[in-house]
């Protein structure tokens, strides 16, 4: 699993406390997105580190939903985990579109 301890805080204790706070107060990812993450970790092992963390995916979903986004452009894609989170935010919105640009 991706190491989610942020280095922007003064020490590991503060980082751990902030991470715990965020996890406890964030809505869980939908089951199909969680399964995608689990499959990626199982099939790709250490390479799965290139995928955004679950907390980052939750943040992307929340941000897109909060902004009322109708269109998303994701530049670069590993396994589509973050794109799935963004697509979830747009679910049910008429005319919504998620595009992925793979350079």
PDB file of N, CA and C in Angstrom:
ATOM      1  N   UNK A   1       0.843  -1.183   0.000  1.00  0.00           N
ATOM      2  CA  UNK A   1       0.000   0.000   0.000  1.00  0.00           C
ATOM      3  C   UNK A   1       0.879   1.233   0.000  1.00  0.00           C
ATOM      4  N   UNK A   2       0.423   2.227  -0.683  1.00  0.00           N
ATOM      5  CA  UNK A   2       1.171   3.462  -0.805  1.00  0.00           C
ATOM      6  C   UNK A   2       1.371   4.112   0.561  1.00  0.00           C
ATOM      7  N   UNK A   3       2.592   4.568   0.811  1.00  0.00           N
ATOM      8  CA  UNK A   3       2.896   5.261   2.059  1.00  0.00           C
ATOM      9  C   UNK A   3       2.271   6.645   1.988  1.00  0.00           C
ATOM     10  N   UNK A   4       1.316   6.909   2.862  1.00  0.00           N
ATOM     11  CA  UNK A   4       0.580   8.169   2.792  1.00  0.00           C
ATOM     12  C   UNK A   4       1.030   9.189   3.837  1.00  0.00           C
ATOM     13  N   UNK A   5       2.148   8.950   4.486  1.00  0.00           N
ATOM     14  CA  UNK A   5       2.630   9.912   5.474  1.00  0.00           C
ATOM     15  C   UNK A   5       3.196  11.118   4.732  1.00  0.00           C
ATOM     16  N   UNK A   6       2.580  12.249   4.924  1.00  0.00           N
ATOM     17  CA  UNK A   6       3.012  13.467   4.242  1.00  0.00           C
ATOM     18  C   UNK A   6       4.289  14.012   4.863  1.00  0.00           C
ATOM     19  N   UNK A   7       5.134  14.588   4.033  1.00  0.00           N
ATOM     20  CA  UNK A   7       6.390  15.152   4.522  1.00  0.00           C
ATOM     21  C   UNK A   7       6.286  16.652   4.777  1.00  0.00           C
ATOM     22  N   UNK A   8       5.102  17.211   4.643  1.00  0.00           N
ATOM     23  CA  UNK A   8       4.949  18.655   4.828  1.00  0.00           C
ATOM     24  C   UNK A   8       4.751  19.052   6.285  1.00  0.00           C
ATOM     25  N   UNK A   9       4.594  18.075   7.143  1.00  0.00           N
ATOM     26  CA  UNK A   9       4.368  18.362   8.558  1.00  0.00           C
ATOM     27  C   UNK A   9       5.680  18.270   9.327  1.00  0.00           C
ATOM     28  N   UNK A  10       5.744  18.880  10.511  1.00  0.00           N
ATOM     29  CA  UNK A  10       7.016  18.976  11.234  1.00  0.00           C
ATOM     30  C   UNK A  10       7.619  17.644  11.674  1.00  0.00           C
ATOM     31  N   UNK A  11       6.768  16.631  11.872  1.00  0.00           N
ATOM     32  CA  UNK A  11       7.303  15.335  12.297  1.00  0.00           C
ATOM     33  C   UNK A  11       6.299  14.234  11.978  1.00  0.00           C
ATOM     34  N   UNK A  12       6.732  12.996  12.158  1.00  0.00           N
ATOM     35  CA  UNK A  12       5.891  11.854  11.809  1.00  0.00           C
ATOM     36  C   UNK A  12       4.641  11.760  12.679  1.00  0.00           C
ATOM     37  N   UNK A  13       4.733  12.200  13.924  1.00  0.00           N
ATOM     38  CA  UNK A  13       3.581  12.149  14.826  1.00  0.00           C
ATOM     39  C   UNK A  13       2.445  13.025  14.301  1.00  0.00           C
ATOM     40  N   UNK A  14       2.791  14.232  13.886  1.00  0.00           N
ATOM     41  CA  UNK A  14       1.782  15.148  13.344  1.00  0.00           C
ATOM     42  C   UNK A  14       1.236  14.596  12.030  1.00  0.00           C
ATOM     43  N   UNK A  15       2.116  14.098  11.176  1.00  0.00           N
ATOM     44  CA  UNK A  15       1.689  13.525   9.897  1.00  0.00           C
ATOM     45  C   UNK A  15       0.709  12.381  10.103  1.00  0.00           C
ATOM     46  N   UNK A  16       1.023  11.500  11.034  1.00  0.00           N
ATOM     47  CA  UNK A  16       0.163  10.359  11.323  1.00  0.00           C
ATOM     48  C   UNK A  16      -1.189  10.819  11.853  1.00  0.00           C
ATOM     49  N   UNK A  17      -1.188  11.826  12.715  1.00  0.00           N
ATOM     50  CA  UNK A  17      -2.439  12.343  13.281  1.00  0.00           C
ATOM     51  C   UNK A  17      -3.312  12.981  12.197  1.00  0.00           C
ATOM     52  N   UNK A  18      -2.700  13.726  11.292  1.00  0.00           N
ATOM     53  CA  UNK A  18      -3.455  14.364  10.208  1.00  0.00           C
ATOM     54  C   UNK A  18      -4.040  13.297   9.280  1.00  0.00           C
ATOM     55  N   UNK A  19      -3.244  12.299   8.952  1.00  0.00           N
ATOM     56  CA  UNK A  19      -3.718  11.219   8.093  1.00  0.00           C
ATOM     57  C   UNK A  19      -4.883  10.473   8.742  1.00  0.00           C
ATOM     58  N   UNK A  20      -4.769  10.194  10.021  1.00  0.00           N
ATOM     59  CA  UNK A  20      -5.834   9.509  10.764  1.00  0.00           C
ATOM     60  C   UNK A  20      -7.116  10.352  10.740  1.00  0.00           C
ATOM     61  N   UNK A  21      -6.977  11.643  10.984  1.00  0.00           N
ATOM     62  CA  UNK A  21      -8.113  12.562  10.969  1.00  0.00           C
ATOM     63  C   UNK A  21      -8.811  12.525   9.603  1.00  0.00           C
ATOM     64  N   UNK A  22      -8.025  12.610   8.541  1.00  0.00           N
ATOM     65  CA  UNK A  22      -8.592  12.612   7.185  1.00  0.00           C
ATOM     66  C   UNK A  22      -9.307  11.305   6.871  1.00  0.00           C
ATOM     67  N   UNK A  23      -8.693  10.196   7.232  1.00  0.00           N
ATOM     68  CA  UNK A  23      -9.307   8.890   6.957  1.00  0.00           C
ATOM     69  C   UNK A  23     -10.622   8.721   7.711  1.00  0.00           C
ATOM     70  N   UNK A  24     -10.654   9.169   8.959  1.00  0.00           N
ATOM     71  CA  UNK A  24     -11.855   9.011   9.787  1.00  0.00           C
ATOM     72  C   UNK A  24     -13.013   9.879   9.310  1.00  0.00           C
ATOM     73  N   UNK A  25     -12.718  10.978   8.645  1.00  0.00           N
ATOM     74  CA  UNK A  25     -13.758  11.923   8.261  1.00  0.00           C
ATOM     75  C   UNK A  25     -14.077  11.925   6.768  1.00  0.00           C
ATOM     76  N   UNK A  26     -13.426  11.060   6.024  1.00  0.00           N
ATOM     77  CA  UNK A  26     -13.677  10.979   4.586  1.00  0.00           C
ATOM     78  C   UNK A  26     -14.651   9.848   4.289  1.00  0.00           C
ATOM     79  N   UNK A  27     -15.488  10.071   3.313  1.00  0.00           N
ATOM     80  CA  UNK A  27     -16.388   9.006   2.875  1.00  0.00           C
ATOM     81  C   UNK A  27     -15.566   7.930   2.177  1.00  0.00           C
ATOM     82  N   UNK A  28     -15.932   6.677   2.357  1.00  0.00           N
ATOM     83  CA  UNK A  28     -15.177   5.609   1.689  1.00  0.00           C
ATOM     84  C   UNK A  28     -15.396   5.652   0.176  1.00  0.00           C
ATOM     85  N   UNK A  29     -14.450   5.109  -0.544  1.00  0.00           N
ATOM     86  CA  UNK A  29     -14.603   4.993  -1.989  1.00  0.00           C
ATOM     87  C   UNK A  29     -15.672   3.947  -2.293  1.00  0.00           C
ATOM     88  N   UNK A  30     -16.379   4.108  -3.398  1.00  0.00           N
ATOM     89  CA  UNK A  30     -17.350   3.085  -3.785  1.00  0.00           C
ATOM     90  C   UNK A  30     -16.650   1.731  -3.971  1.00  0.00           C
ATOM     91  N   UNK A  31     -17.367   0.646  -3.741  1.00  0.00           N
ATOM     92  CA  UNK A  31     -16.755  -0.689  -3.804  1.00  0.00           C
ATOM     93  C   UNK A  31     -16.040  -1.005  -5.120  1.00  0.00           C
ATOM     94  N   UNK A  32     -16.596  -0.578  -6.261  1.00  0.00           N
ATOM     95  CA  UNK A  32     -15.948  -0.909  -7.537  1.00  0.00           C
ATOM     96  C   UNK A  32     -14.604  -0.203  -7.691  1.00  0.00           C
ATOM     97  N   UNK A  33     -14.472   0.985  -7.125  1.00  0.00           N
ATOM     98  CA  UNK A  33     -13.196   1.698  -7.190  1.00  0.00           C
ATOM     99  C   UNK A  33     -12.202   1.064  -6.215  1.00  0.00           C
ATOM    100  N   UNK A  34     -12.676   0.682  -5.057  1.00  0.00           N
ATOM    101  CA  UNK A  34     -11.823  -0.008  -4.077  1.00  0.00           C
ATOM    102  C   UNK A  34     -11.305  -1.324  -4.658  1.00  0.00           C
ATOM    103  N   UNK A  35     -12.175  -2.065  -5.346  1.00  0.00           N
ATOM    104  CA  UNK A  35     -11.753  -3.328  -5.966  1.00  0.00           C
ATOM    105  C   UNK A  35     -10.684  -3.089  -7.027  1.00  0.00           C
ATOM    106  N   UNK A  36     -10.815  -1.997  -7.761  1.00  0.00           N
ATOM    107  CA  UNK A  36      -9.817  -1.655  -8.780  1.00  0.00           C
ATOM    108  C   UNK A  36      -8.453  -1.442  -8.121  1.00  0.00           C
ATOM    109  N   UNK A  37      -8.439  -0.729  -7.005  1.00  0.00           N
ATOM    110  CA  UNK A  37      -7.181  -0.489  -6.285  1.00  0.00           C
ATOM    111  C   UNK A  37      -6.590  -1.804  -5.783  1.00  0.00           C
ATOM    112  N   UNK A  38      -7.434  -2.646  -5.209  1.00  0.00           N
ATOM    113  CA  UNK A  38      -6.959  -3.937  -4.693  1.00  0.00           C
ATOM    114  C   UNK A  38      -6.388  -4.808  -5.805  1.00  0.00           C
ATOM    115  N   UNK A  39      -7.068  -4.841  -6.942  1.00  0.00           N
ATOM    116  CA  UNK A  39      -6.592  -5.635  -8.074  1.00  0.00           C
ATOM    117  C   UNK A  39      -5.257  -5.096  -8.595  1.00  0.00           C
ATOM    118  N   UNK A  40      -5.146  -3.777  -8.684  1.00  0.00           N
ATOM    119  CA  UNK A  40      -3.895  -3.171  -9.138  1.00  0.00           C
ATOM    120  C   UNK A  40      -2.755  -3.537  -8.202  1.00  0.00           C
ATOM    121  N   UNK A  41      -2.995  -3.440  -6.898  1.00  0.00           N
ATOM    122  CA  UNK A  41      -1.957  -3.789  -5.922  1.00  0.00           C
ATOM    123  C   UNK A  41      -1.580  -5.261  -6.015  1.00  0.00           C
ATOM    124  N   UNK A  42      -2.575  -6.115  -6.204  1.00  0.00           N
ATOM    125  CA  UNK A  42      -2.322  -7.558  -6.284  1.00  0.00           C
ATOM    126  C   UNK A  42      -1.544  -7.912  -7.550  1.00  0.00           C
ATOM    127  N   UNK A  43      -1.988  -7.383  -8.671  1.00  0.00           N
ATOM    128  CA  UNK A  43      -1.401  -7.750  -9.964  1.00  0.00           C
ATOM    129  C   UNK A  43      -0.070  -7.063 -10.247  1.00  0.00           C
ATOM    130  N   UNK A  44       0.100  -5.841  -9.775  1.00  0.00           N
ATOM    131  CA  UNK A  44       1.292  -5.074 -10.134  1.00  0.00           C
ATOM    132  C   UNK A  44       2.284  -4.886  -8.993  1.00  0.00           C
ATOM    133  N   UNK A  45       1.931  -5.321  -7.802  1.00  0.00           N
ATOM    134  CA  UNK A  45       2.864  -5.254  -6.673  1.00  0.00           C
ATOM    135  C   UNK A  45       3.409  -3.858  -6.433  1.00  0.00           C
ATOM    136  N   UNK A  46       4.735  -3.741  -6.408  1.00  0.00           N
ATOM    137  CA  UNK A  46       5.392  -2.458  -6.118  1.00  0.00           C
ATOM    138  C   UNK A  46       5.071  -1.376  -7.147  1.00  0.00           C
ATOM    139  N   UNK A  47       4.772  -1.776  -8.369  1.00  0.00           N
ATOM    140  CA  UNK A  47       4.446  -0.783  -9.397  1.00  0.00           C
ATOM    141  C   UNK A  47       3.155  -0.035  -9.067  1.00  0.00           C
ATOM    142  N   UNK A  48       2.325  -0.618  -8.197  1.00  0.00           N
ATOM    143  CA  UNK A  48       1.068   0.040  -7.831  1.00  0.00           C
ATOM    144  C   UNK A  48       1.312   1.353  -7.090  1.00  0.00           C
ATOM    145  N   UNK A  49       2.553   1.586  -6.656  1.00  0.00           N
ATOM    146  CA  UNK A  49       2.906   2.857  -6.010  1.00  0.00           C
ATOM    147  C   UNK A  49       2.694   4.045  -6.950  1.00  0.00           C
ATOM    148  N   UNK A  50       2.657   3.785  -8.255  1.00  0.00           N
ATOM    149  CA  UNK A  50       2.469   4.875  -9.220  1.00  0.00           C
ATOM    150  C   UNK A  50       1.024   5.369  -9.244  1.00  0.00           C
ATOM    151  N   UNK A  51       0.135   4.597  -8.660  1.00  0.00           N
ATOM    152  CA  UNK A  51      -1.281   4.962  -8.595  1.00  0.00           C
ATOM    153  C   UNK A  51      -1.477   5.975  -7.454  1.00  0.00           C
ATOM    154  N   UNK A  52      -2.447   6.871  -7.584  1.00  0.00           N
ATOM    155  CA  UNK A  52      -2.727   7.782  -6.474  1.00  0.00           C
ATOM    156  C   UNK A  52      -3.194   6.960  -5.277  1.00  0.00           C
ATOM    157  N   UNK A  53      -3.033   7.514  -4.091  1.00  0.00           N
ATOM    158  CA  UNK A  53      -3.489   6.805  -2.889  1.00  0.00           C
ATOM    159  C   UNK A  53      -5.015   6.853  -2.810  1.00  0.00           C
ATOM    160  N   UNK A  54      -5.578   6.022  -1.959  1.00  0.00           N
ATOM    161  CA  UNK A  54      -7.031   6.020  -1.777  1.00  0.00           C
ATOM    162  C   UNK A  54      -7.513   7.371  -1.254  1.00  0.00           C
ATOM    163  N   UNK A  55      -6.768   7.954  -0.339  1.00  0.00           N
ATOM    164  CA  UNK A  55      -7.149   9.250   0.210  1.00  0.00           C
ATOM    165  C   UNK A  55      -7.100  10.330  -0.874  1.00  0.00           C
ATOM    166  N   UNK A  56      -6.106  10.264  -1.745  1.00  0.00           N
ATOM    167  CA  UNK A  56      -6.033  11.210  -2.857  1.00  0.00           C
ATOM    168  C   UNK A  56      -7.216  11.013  -3.807  1.00  0.00           C
ATOM    169  N   UNK A  57      -7.592   9.767  -4.045  1.00  0.00           N
ATOM    170  CA  UNK A  57      -8.752   9.486  -4.904  1.00  0.00           C
ATOM    171  C   UNK A  57     -10.030  10.036  -4.271  1.00  0.00           C
ATOM    172  N   UNK A  58     -10.158   9.870  -2.951  1.00  0.00           N
ATOM    173  CA  UNK A  58     -11.324  10.416  -2.249  1.00  0.00           C
ATOM    174  C   UNK A  58     -11.354  11.937  -2.391  1.00  0.00           C
ATOM    175  N   UNK A  59     -10.187  12.564  -2.300  1.00  0.00           N
ATOM    176  CA  UNK A  59     -10.099  14.019  -2.437  1.00  0.00           C
ATOM    177  C   UNK A  59     -10.494  14.453  -3.856  1.00  0.00           C
ATOM    178  N   UNK A  60     -10.008  13.738  -4.866  1.00  0.00           N
ATOM    179  CA  UNK A  60     -10.364  14.072  -6.244  1.00  0.00           C
ATOM    180  C   UNK A  60     -11.872  13.970  -6.461  1.00  0.00           C
ATOM    181  N   UNK A  61     -12.455  12.899  -5.962  1.00  0.00           N
ATOM    182  CA  UNK A  61     -13.898  12.691  -6.082  1.00  0.00           C
ATOM    183  C   UNK A  61     -14.649  13.836  -5.405  1.00  0.00           C
ATOM    184  N   UNK A  62     -14.267  14.151  -4.188  1.00  0.00           N
ATOM    185  CA  UNK A  62     -14.926  15.216  -3.424  1.00  0.00           C
ATOM    186  C   UNK A  62     -14.776  16.566  -4.121  1.00  0.00           C
ATOM    187  N   UNK A  63     -13.564  16.865  -4.601  1.00  0.00           N
ATOM    188  CA  UNK A  63     -13.318  18.156  -5.242  1.00  0.00           C
ATOM    189  C   UNK A  63     -14.156  18.309  -6.511  1.00  0.00           C
ATOM    190  N   UNK A  64     -14.138  17.295  -7.365  1.00  0.00           N
ATOM    191  CA  UNK A  64     -14.913  17.368  -8.611  1.00  0.00           C
ATOM    192  C   UNK A  64     -16.406  17.512  -8.321  1.00  0.00           C
ATOM    193  N   UNK A  65     -16.878  16.774  -7.335  1.00  0.00           N
ATOM    194  CA  UNK A  65     -18.300  16.842  -6.964  1.00  0.00           C
ATOM    195  C   UNK A  65     -18.629  18.217  -6.370  1.00  0.00           C
ATOM    196  N   UNK A  66     -17.770  18.725  -5.502  1.00  0.00           N
ATOM    197  CA  UNK A  66     -18.005  20.021  -4.848  1.00  0.00           C
ATOM    198  C   UNK A  66     -18.009  21.171  -5.846  1.00  0.00           C
ATOM    199  N   UNK A  67     -17.159  21.068  -6.856  1.00  0.00           N
ATOM    200  CA  UNK A  67     -17.090  22.121  -7.867  1.00  0.00           C
ATOM    201  C   UNK A  67     -18.225  22.027  -8.883  1.00  0.00           C
ATOM    202  N   UNK A  68     -18.942  20.922  -8.845  1.00  0.00           N
ATOM    203  CA  UNK A  68     -20.002  20.713  -9.827  1.00  0.00           C
ATOM    204  C   UNK A  68     -19.442  20.480 -11.221  1.00  0.00           C
ATOM    205  N   UNK A  69     -18.288  19.852 -11.279  1.00  0.00           N
ATOM    206  CA  UNK A  69     -17.627  19.614 -12.568  1.00  0.00           C
ATOM    207  C   UNK A  69     -18.522  18.797 -13.492  1.00  0.00           C
ATOM    208  N   UNK A  70     -18.481  19.163 -14.763  1.00  0.00           N
ATOM    209  CA  UNK A  70     -19.216  18.409 -15.778  1.00  0.00           C
ATOM    210  C   UNK A  70     -18.260  17.779 -16.781  1.00  0.00           C
ATOM    211  N   UNK A  71     -17.052  18.307 -16.820  1.00  0.00           N
ATOM    212  CA  UNK A  71     -16.031  17.784 -17.728  1.00  0.00           C
ATOM    213  C   UNK A  71     -14.721  17.653 -16.965  1.00  0.00           C
ATOM    214  N   UNK A  72     -14.021  16.568 -17.234  1.00  0.00           N
ATOM    215  CA  UNK A  72     -12.734  16.309 -16.592  1.00  0.00           C
ATOM    216  C   UNK A  72     -11.746  15.894 -17.670  1.00  0.00           C
ATOM    217  N   UNK A  73     -10.546  16.431 -17.603  1.00  0.00           N
ATOM    218  CA  UNK A  73      -9.455  16.001 -18.468  1.00  0.00           C
ATOM    219  C   UNK A  73      -8.328  15.528 -17.573  1.00  0.00           C
ATOM    220  N   UNK A  74      -8.025  14.256 -17.654  1.00  0.00           N
ATOM    221  CA  UNK A  74      -6.906  13.710 -16.886  1.00  0.00           C
ATOM    222  C   UNK A  74      -5.750  13.513 -17.854  1.00  0.00           C
ATOM    223  N   UNK A  75      -4.630  14.130 -17.541  1.00  0.00           N
ATOM    224  CA  UNK A  75      -3.440  14.015 -18.385  1.00  0.00           C
ATOM    225  C   UNK A  75      -2.550  12.938 -17.790  1.00  0.00           C
ATOM    226  N   UNK A  76      -2.376  11.863 -18.531  1.00  0.00           N
ATOM    227  CA  UNK A  76      -1.604  10.724 -18.051  1.00  0.00           C
ATOM    228  C   UNK A  76      -2.506   9.764 -17.304  1.00  0.00           C
ATOM    229  N   UNK A  77      -2.199   8.488 -17.426  1.00  0.00           N
ATOM    230  CA  UNK A  77      -3.035   7.477 -16.795  1.00  0.00           C
ATOM    231  C   UNK A  77      -2.184   6.241 -16.533  1.00  0.00           C
ATOM    232  N   UNK A  78      -2.285   5.685 -15.333  1.00  0.00           N
ATOM    233  CA  UNK A  78      -1.575   4.450 -15.006  1.00  0.00           C
ATOM    234  C   UNK A  78      -2.524   3.278 -15.217  1.00  0.00           C
ATOM    235  N   UNK A  79      -3.459   3.085 -14.304  1.00  0.00           N
ATOM    236  CA  UNK A  79      -4.472   2.033 -14.485  1.00  0.00           C
ATOM    237  C   UNK A  79      -5.884   2.612 -14.511  1.00  0.00           C
ATOM    238  N   UNK A  80      -5.999   3.922 -14.427  1.00  0.00           N
ATOM    239  CA  UNK A  80      -7.307   4.558 -14.468  1.00  0.00           C
ATOM    240  C   UNK A  80      -7.973   4.731 -13.116  1.00  0.00           C
ATOM    241  N   UNK A  81      -7.242   4.494 -12.032  1.00  0.00           N
ATOM    242  CA  UNK A  81      -7.817   4.588 -10.689  1.00  0.00           C
ATOM    243  C   UNK A  81      -8.327   5.996 -10.394  1.00  0.00           C
ATOM    244  N   UNK A  82      -7.513   7.007 -10.640  1.00  0.00           N
ATOM    245  CA  UNK A  82      -7.960   8.379 -10.373  1.00  0.00           C
ATOM    246  C   UNK A  82      -9.064   8.789 -11.349  1.00  0.00           C
ATOM    247  N   UNK A  83      -8.994   8.305 -12.586  1.00  0.00           N
ATOM    248  CA  UNK A  83     -10.051   8.602 -13.561  1.00  0.00           C
ATOM    249  C   UNK A  83     -11.385   8.004 -13.113  1.00  0.00           C
ATOM    250  N   UNK A  84     -11.340   6.814 -12.512  1.00  0.00           N
ATOM    251  CA  UNK A  84     -12.569   6.210 -11.982  1.00  0.00           C
ATOM    252  C   UNK A  84     -13.165   7.063 -10.866  1.00  0.00           C
ATOM    253  N   UNK A  85     -12.298   7.589  -9.999  1.00  0.00           N
ATOM    254  CA  UNK A  85     -12.780   8.445  -8.908  1.00  0.00           C
ATOM    255  C   UNK A  85     -13.420   9.710  -9.473  1.00  0.00           C
ATOM    256  N   UNK A  86     -12.785  10.298 -10.474  1.00  0.00           N
ATOM    257  CA  UNK A  86     -13.341  11.502 -11.088  1.00  0.00           C
ATOM    258  C   UNK A  86     -14.649  11.189 -11.817  1.00  0.00           C
ATOM    259  N   UNK A  87     -14.698  10.059 -12.497  1.00  0.00           N
ATOM    260  CA  UNK A  87     -15.926   9.662 -13.193  1.00  0.00           C
ATOM    261  C   UNK A  87     -17.063   9.435 -12.205  1.00  0.00           C
ATOM    262  N   UNK A  88     -16.739   8.893 -11.047  1.00  0.00           N
ATOM    263  CA  UNK A  88     -17.759   8.679 -10.007  1.00  0.00           C
ATOM    264  C   UNK A  88     -18.382  10.009  -9.587  1.00  0.00           C
ATOM    265  N   UNK A  89     -17.567  11.048  -9.524  1.00  0.00           N
ATOM    266  CA  UNK A  89     -18.064  12.366  -9.128  1.00  0.00           C
ATOM    267  C   UNK A  89     -19.043  12.922 -10.156  1.00  0.00           C
ATOM    268  N   UNK A  90     -18.861  12.536 -11.412  1.00  0.00           N
ATOM    269  CA  UNK A  90     -19.710  13.048 -12.488  1.00  0.00           C
ATOM    270  C   UNK A  90     -20.914  12.155 -12.780  1.00  0.00           C
ATOM    271  N   UNK A  91     -20.999  11.039 -12.086  1.00  0.00           N
ATOM    272  CA  UNK A  91     -22.075  10.075 -12.330  1.00  0.00           C
ATOM    273  C   UNK A  91     -23.437  10.736 -12.112  1.00  0.00           C
ATOM    274  N   UNK A  92     -24.320  10.542 -13.072  1.00  0.00           N
ATOM    275  CA  UNK A  92     -25.669  11.079 -12.967  1.00  0.00           C
ATOM    276  C   UNK A  92     -25.823  12.495 -13.489  1.00  0.00           C
ATOM    277  N   UNK A  93     -24.739  13.116 -13.912  1.00  0.00           N
ATOM    278  CA  UNK A  93     -24.810  14.479 -14.443  1.00  0.00           C
ATOM    279  C   UNK A  93     -24.966  14.399 -15.962  1.00  0.00           C
ATOM    280  N   UNK A  94     -26.042  14.978 -16.461  1.00  0.00           N
ATOM    281  CA  UNK A  94     -26.305  14.933 -17.896  1.00  0.00           C
ATOM    282  C   UNK A  94     -25.204  15.647 -18.672  1.00  0.00           C
ATOM    283  N   UNK A  95     -24.696  14.996 -19.689  1.00  0.00           N
ATOM    284  CA  UNK A  95     -23.662  15.579 -20.534  1.00  0.00           C
ATOM    285  C   UNK A  95     -22.268  15.532 -19.942  1.00  0.00           C
ATOM    286  N   UNK A  96     -22.103  14.882 -18.806  1.00  0.00           N
ATOM    287  CA  UNK A  96     -20.783  14.805 -18.166  1.00  0.00           C
ATOM    288  C   UNK A  96     -19.829  13.990 -19.031  1.00  0.00           C
ATOM    289  N   UNK A  97     -18.552  14.360 -18.972  1.00  0.00           N
ATOM    290  CA  UNK A  97     -17.569  13.690 -19.808  1.00  0.00           C
ATOM    291  C   UNK A  97     -16.224  13.634 -19.096  1.00  0.00           C
ATOM    292  N   UNK A  98     -15.595  12.462 -19.121  1.00  0.00           N
ATOM    293  CA  UNK A  98     -14.241  12.285 -18.599  1.00  0.00           C
ATOM    294  C   UNK A  98     -13.355  11.912 -19.778  1.00  0.00           C
ATOM    295  N   UNK A  99     -12.305  12.683 -19.983  1.00  0.00           N
ATOM    296  CA  UNK A  99     -11.343  12.407 -21.046  1.00  0.00           C
ATOM    297  C   UNK A  99      -9.991  12.121 -20.427  1.00  0.00           C
ATOM    298  N   UNK A 100      -9.282  11.182 -21.017  1.00  0.00           N
ATOM    299  CA  UNK A 100      -7.939  10.851 -20.553  1.00  0.00           C
ATOM    300  C   UNK A 100      -6.984  11.079 -21.711  1.00  0.00           C
ATOM    301  N   UNK A 101      -5.971  11.885 -21.475  1.00  0.00           N
ATOM    302  CA  UNK A 101      -4.946  12.162 -22.475  1.00  0.00           C
ATOM    303  C   UNK A 101      -3.686  11.426 -22.055  1.00  0.00           C
ATOM    304  N   UNK A 102      -3.299  10.444 -22.836  1.00  0.00           N
ATOM    305  CA  UNK A 102      -2.091   9.684 -22.530  1.00  0.00           C
ATOM    306  C   UNK A 102      -1.011  10.138 -23.504  1.00  0.00           C
ATOM    307  N   UNK A 103      -0.038  10.910 -22.981  1.00  0.00           N
ATOM    308  CA  UNK A 103       1.019  11.443 -23.861  1.00  0.00           C
ATOM    309  C   UNK A 103       1.889  10.350 -24.455  1.00  0.00           C
TER     310      UNK A 103
END
